[in-house]
Amino acid sequence: MAPSDDRSSTTTANRATSGRLRRGGWAAIVVLAALLAAAIGYAIHVWNQLSGVAVSGQGWFAMALVFYSSRKNYDQ
């Protein structure tokens, strides 16, 4: 068997298995999904706790200015 044939069969084997996730890849996906779910749950909890807080007109205006300046790169 020629050395080039051995490399081509190894390359073909790597291509066949490169699209599959191994156990570590699935574990990383599960951990990241759990972190995302926890972050969303915490955000919902905090949002519900702030339901009685009112923002004045000046507060909304200030937030609009911050948003506008960040979109137009005035904050650089």
C-alpha atoms as a PDB file:
ATOM      1  CA  MET A   1       0.000   0.000   0.000  1.00  0.00           C
ATOM      2  CA  ALA A   2       1.409   3.401  -0.971  1.00  0.00           C
ATOM      3  CA  PRO A   3       1.703   6.187   1.640  1.00  0.00           C
ATOM      4  CA  SER A   4      -0.652   8.410  -0.345  1.00  0.00           C
ATOM      5  CA  ASP A   5      -3.390   5.752  -0.165  1.00  0.00           C
ATOM      6  CA  ASP A   6      -3.035   5.599   3.623  1.00  0.00           C
ATOM      7  CA  ARG A   7      -3.413   9.388   3.948  1.00  0.00           C
ATOM      8  CA  SER A   8      -6.437   9.479   1.678  1.00  0.00           C
ATOM      9  CA  SER A   9      -8.222   6.797   3.697  1.00  0.00           C
ATOM     10  CA  THR A  10      -7.443   8.683   6.931  1.00  0.00           C
ATOM     11  CA  THR A  11      -8.743  11.918   5.413  1.00  0.00           C
ATOM     12  CA  THR A  12     -11.931  10.152   4.293  1.00  0.00           C
ATOM     13  CA  ALA A  13     -12.415   8.712   7.788  1.00  0.00           C
ATOM     14  CA  ASN A  14     -11.934  12.169   9.356  1.00  0.00           C
ATOM     15  CA  ARG A  15     -14.505  13.680   7.006  1.00  0.00           C
ATOM     16  CA  ALA A  16     -17.017  10.981   7.875  1.00  0.00           C
ATOM     17  CA  THR A  17     -16.744  11.578  11.633  1.00  0.00           C
ATOM     18  CA  SER A  18     -16.132  15.338  11.647  1.00  0.00           C
ATOM     19  CA  GLY A  19     -19.849  16.170  11.351  1.00  0.00           C
ATOM     20  CA  ARG A  20     -20.782  14.176  14.445  1.00  0.00           C
ATOM     21  CA  LEU A  21     -20.611  15.448  17.983  1.00  0.00           C
ATOM     22  CA  ARG A  22     -18.866  13.410  20.575  1.00  0.00           C
ATOM     23  CA  ARG A  23     -19.834  13.112  24.211  1.00  0.00           C
ATOM     24  CA  GLY A  24     -17.937  16.286  25.163  1.00  0.00           C
ATOM     25  CA  GLY A  25     -19.673  18.297  22.448  1.00  0.00           C
ATOM     26  CA  TRP A  26     -23.102  17.205  23.633  1.00  0.00           C
ATOM     27  CA  ALA A  27     -22.133  17.962  27.235  1.00  0.00           C
ATOM     28  CA  ALA A  28     -21.107  21.485  26.215  1.00  0.00           C
ATOM     29  CA  ILE A  29     -24.412  22.006  24.399  1.00  0.00           C
ATOM     30  CA  VAL A  30     -26.380  20.790  27.423  1.00  0.00           C
ATOM     31  CA  VAL A  31     -24.428  23.056  29.794  1.00  0.00           C
ATOM     32  CA  LEU A  32     -24.855  26.086  27.530  1.00  0.00           C
ATOM     33  CA  ALA A  33     -28.570  25.402  27.106  1.00  0.00           C
ATOM     34  CA  ALA A  34     -28.949  25.141  30.888  1.00  0.00           C
ATOM     35  CA  LEU A  35     -27.121  28.451  31.366  1.00  0.00           C
ATOM     36  CA  LEU A  36     -29.337  30.100  28.752  1.00  0.00           C
ATOM     37  CA  ALA A  37     -32.475  28.751  30.440  1.00  0.00           C
ATOM     38  CA  ALA A  38     -31.244  30.001  33.829  1.00  0.00           C
ATOM     39  CA  ALA A  39     -30.486  33.461  32.413  1.00  0.00           C
ATOM     40  CA  ILE A  40     -33.916  33.690  30.786  1.00  0.00           C
ATOM     41  CA  GLY A  41     -35.594  32.518  33.991  1.00  0.00           C
ATOM     42  CA  TYR A  42     -33.697  35.101  36.037  1.00  0.00           C
ATOM     43  CA  ALA A  43     -34.548  37.863  33.554  1.00  0.00           C
ATOM     44  CA  ILE A  44     -38.246  36.970  33.741  1.00  0.00           C
ATOM     45  CA  HIS A  45     -38.097  36.918  37.548  1.00  0.00           C
ATOM     46  CA  VAL A  46     -36.427  40.342  37.720  1.00  0.00           C
ATOM     47  CA  TRP A  47     -38.823  41.779  35.124  1.00  0.00           C
ATOM     48  CA  ASN A  48     -41.800  40.625  37.198  1.00  0.00           C
ATOM     49  CA  GLN A  49     -40.304  42.085  40.381  1.00  0.00           C
ATOM     50  CA  LEU A  50     -39.960  45.494  38.716  1.00  0.00           C
ATOM     51  CA  SER A  51     -43.595  45.706  37.672  1.00  0.00           C
ATOM     52  CA  GLY A  52     -44.346  48.442  40.229  1.00  0.00           C
ATOM     53  CA  VAL A  53     -41.424  50.663  39.231  1.00  0.00           C
ATOM     54  CA  ALA A  54     -42.346  53.649  37.083  1.00  0.00           C
ATOM     55  CA  VAL A  55     -39.992  55.413  34.693  1.00  0.00           C
ATOM     56  CA  SER A  56     -40.515  59.149  34.325  1.00  0.00           C
ATOM     57  CA  GLY A  57     -40.605  60.990  31.024  1.00  0.00           C
ATOM     58  CA  GLN A  58     -37.089  62.258  31.654  1.00  0.00           C
ATOM     59  CA  GLY A  59     -35.913  58.661  32.121  1.00  0.00           C
ATOM     60  CA  TRP A  60     -37.445  57.584  28.799  1.00  0.00           C
ATOM     61  CA  PHE A  61     -35.901  60.618  27.088  1.00  0.00           C
ATOM     62  CA  ALA A  62     -32.481  59.805  28.546  1.00  0.00           C
ATOM     63  CA  MET A  63     -32.753  56.188  27.377  1.00  0.00           C
ATOM     64  CA  ALA A  64     -33.757  57.374  23.901  1.00  0.00           C
ATOM     65  CA  LEU A  65     -30.714  59.646  23.764  1.00  0.00           C
ATOM     66  CA  VAL A  66     -28.410  56.844  24.854  1.00  0.00           C
ATOM     67  CA  PHE A  67     -29.883  54.528  22.219  1.00  0.00           C
ATOM     68  CA  TYR A  68     -29.666  57.170  19.495  1.00  0.00           C
ATOM     69  CA  SER A  69     -26.087  58.145  20.328  1.00  0.00           C
ATOM     70  CA  SER A  70     -24.953  54.524  20.365  1.00  0.00           C
ATOM     71  CA  ARG A  71     -26.572  53.865  16.968  1.00  0.00           C
ATOM     72  CA  LYS A  72     -24.926  56.926  15.405  1.00  0.00           C
ATOM     73  CA  ASN A  73     -21.516  56.245  17.053  1.00  0.00           C
ATOM     74  CA  TYR A  74     -21.554  59.532  18.950  1.00  0.00           C
ATOM     75  CA  ASP A  75     -20.281  57.750  22.039  1.00  0.00           C
ATOM     76  CA  GLN A  76     -16.868  56.983  20.543  1.00  0.00           C
END
